[in-house]
Amino acid sequence: MLESGKNYIETIYVLSKNSTGVHAIDVANVLNFSKPSVTRALGILKTKGFIFVDSENHIILTEEDLKKAKDIY
C-alpha cells in the first residue's frame, strides 16, 4: 500500500475512535483535501479491499486493516 493509502487508513481509524460513523467529508476535512479527491481515493481503497461502506455510507476498515491502522497510529 502506498503512503497516501496508509494516511487514509490512519485517518479513518482516528476518526472512528471518536465517532459513531466516518464519512468521506470527515476524511476530507481532516486531511484538508477536496471531497471529490477523497471520494476517488476511498473508491480505490474499497476496490482493493481495504475498506467497505455500509448502508449508511459509513466507512469501515476491514479487520486486517484495523490492525494495521492501530500499528500505524
Foldseek 3Di string as FASTA:
>chain_A
DDPVLLVLLLQLLVVVVVDVFDALVSSCVVVVHDSVVSVVSVVVCVVVPQWDADPVRGIGGDPVSNVVSVVVD
